[in-house]
Protein backbone atom coordinates (compact mmCIF):
# COMPACT_ATOMS: atom_id res chain seq x y z
CA GLN A 1 -12.19 2.04 -15.85
CA LEU A 2 -8.94 2.90 -13.66
CA GLN A 3 -6.53 0.24 -12.94
CA LEU A 4 -3.78 0.21 -10.60
CA VAL A 5 -0.32 -0.69 -10.93
CA GLU A 6 1.34 -2.06 -7.96
CA SER A 7 5.21 -2.82 -8.13
CA GLY A 8 8.10 -3.73 -5.02
CA GLY A 9 6.71 -7.20 -3.89
CA GLY A 10 9.40 -9.62 -3.04
CA LEU A 11 11.32 -12.03 -1.11
CA VAL A 12 13.92 -10.50 2.09
CA GLN A 13 14.99 -11.76 5.02
CA ALA A 14 13.57 -10.78 8.32
CA GLY A 15 14.88 -7.46 9.44
CA GLY A 16 15.54 -6.22 6.36
CA PRO A 17 13.56 -3.00 3.91
CA LEU A 18 11.51 -3.49 1.48
CA THR A 19 8.87 -0.31 -0.82
CA LEU A 20 5.27 -1.40 -2.61
CA SER A 21 4.80 1.45 -4.76
CA CYS A 22 1.31 1.89 -6.68
CA THR A 23 0.32 3.89 -9.46
CA PRO A 24 -3.31 4.72 -10.75
CA SER A 25 -3.82 5.20 -13.85
CA THR A 26 -5.04 9.04 -14.19
CA SER A 27 -3.79 12.82 -15.00
CA MET A 28 -2.20 14.10 -11.81
CA PHE A 29 -5.29 16.06 -11.03
CA THR A 30 -7.27 13.72 -10.31
CA PHE A 31 -5.05 11.99 -8.20
CA ILE A 32 -5.05 14.90 -5.92
CA LYS A 33 -8.79 14.26 -5.34
CA PHE A 34 -8.84 11.26 -3.97
CA ARG A 35 -10.54 10.86 -0.70
CA TYR A 36 -7.98 8.13 0.58
CA MET A 37 -5.43 5.28 -0.62
CA ALA A 38 -3.91 2.08 1.45
CA TRP A 39 -2.58 -0.60 1.70
CA TYR A 40 -3.85 -4.04 2.75
CA ARG A 41 -2.18 -7.23 3.02
CA GLN A 42 -3.70 -10.60 2.77
CA THR A 43 -2.92 -14.50 4.02
CA PRO A 44 -4.54 -17.69 3.43
CA GLY A 45 -7.73 -18.12 5.02
CA LYS A 46 -7.37 -14.75 6.64
CA GLN A 47 -9.20 -11.47 5.94
CA ARG A 48 -7.83 -8.64 3.95
CA GLU A 49 -6.53 -6.28 6.27
CA LEU A 50 -5.55 -2.62 6.59
CA VAL A 51 -2.03 -2.10 6.71
CA ALA A 52 -1.53 1.58 6.45
CA SER A 53 -3.98 4.45 4.24
CA ILE A 54 -2.83 7.62 3.70
CA SER A 55 -5.77 10.84 3.00
CA SER A 56 -6.04 13.74 0.05
CA ALA A 57 -5.14 15.34 2.98
CA SER A 58 -1.89 13.35 3.70
CA SER A 59 -2.64 12.63 6.84
CA ALA A 60 -1.49 8.86 7.31
CA ASN A 61 -2.77 6.31 9.87
CA TYR A 62 -1.53 2.26 10.39
CA ALA A 63 -2.43 -0.62 11.62
CA ASP A 64 -1.23 -1.16 15.04
CA PHE A 65 0.99 -4.38 14.55
CA VAL A 66 3.37 -1.59 12.11
CA ASN A 67 4.77 -0.10 15.41
CA GLY A 68 6.30 2.45 13.43
CA ARG A 69 7.80 0.40 10.67
CA PHE A 70 6.47 1.49 7.76
CA THR A 71 5.63 4.69 6.56
CA ILE A 72 2.97 5.50 4.05
CA SER A 73 3.43 8.18 1.71
CA LYS A 74 2.61 10.26 -2.18
CA ASP A 75 4.03 11.81 -4.48
CA TYR A 76 2.26 14.08 -6.36
CA PHE A 77 4.35 14.41 -9.48
CA LYS A 78 5.12 11.05 -10.26
CA LYS A 79 1.43 10.33 -8.79
CA THR A 80 2.75 7.55 -6.86
CA VAL A 81 1.60 6.48 -3.60
CA THR A 82 4.89 4.48 -1.64
CA LEU A 83 4.77 1.87 1.53
CA GLN A 84 8.45 1.86 2.85
CA MET A 85 8.82 -1.10 5.15
CA ASN A 86 11.31 -1.67 7.77
CA SER A 87 12.22 -4.26 10.20
CA LEU A 88 9.98 -6.67 8.24
CA LYS A 89 9.93 -10.31 10.00
CA PRO A 90 7.61 -13.43 8.97
CA GLU A 91 4.55 -12.50 10.13
CA ASP A 92 4.35 -9.63 7.35
CA THR A 93 4.71 -12.35 4.67
CA ALA A 94 1.77 -11.37 2.87
CA VAL A 95 0.02 -10.19 -0.64
CA TYR A 96 -0.16 -6.54 -0.34
CA TYR A 97 -2.57 -5.03 -2.48
CA CYS A 98 -3.22 -1.27 -3.05
CA ASN A 99 -6.77 0.29 -2.68
CA LEU A 100 -7.84 3.58 -3.67
CA VAL A 101 -11.42 5.36 -3.18
CA ASP A 102 -11.96 7.84 -5.55
CA SER A 103 -14.21 11.38 -4.79
CA GLY A 104 -17.31 9.59 -5.36
CA LYS A 105 -16.47 7.08 -3.06
CA LYS A 106 -16.14 4.51 -5.43
CA ALA A 107 -13.31 2.02 -4.54
CA TYR A 108 -10.57 -0.02 -6.48
CA TRP A 109 -8.41 -2.28 -5.79
CA GLY A 110 -4.90 -3.97 -7.65
CA GLN A 111 -3.43 -6.78 -8.53
CA GLY A 112 -1.76 -7.42 -5.25
CA THR A 113 1.61 -8.57 -5.20
CA GLN A 114 3.70 -10.93 -2.92
CA VAL A 115 5.66 -10.11 0.28
CA THR A 116 7.94 -12.61 0.97
CA VAL A 117 9.94 -12.44 4.75
CA SER A 118 12.17 -15.35 5.63
CA SER A 119 12.90 -16.19 9.17
């Protein structure tokens, strides 16, 4: 069973940066063939929402609320997808989840990492 290992969450002051990383437990060959990987976030009482995604062709998409503050990228050699978050706001506080959809369209989720932005 494929697992997603997330890292990088924590506490940061408003306006500061934070980087989240997600590494699937798979080979580089398989990593290259993933349909896409993404970061979602969720706050209590709300539905999980898409933050950013990146396709196998490295085409990136962002939610409107990102507004140029975040960058999603892939490193094939490290088999890692990274979400660089800048200019963080208190409303970015949430549990962030890594998501992967493989070549067979099966979806996997990480365990979630807490991001807290203090005002």
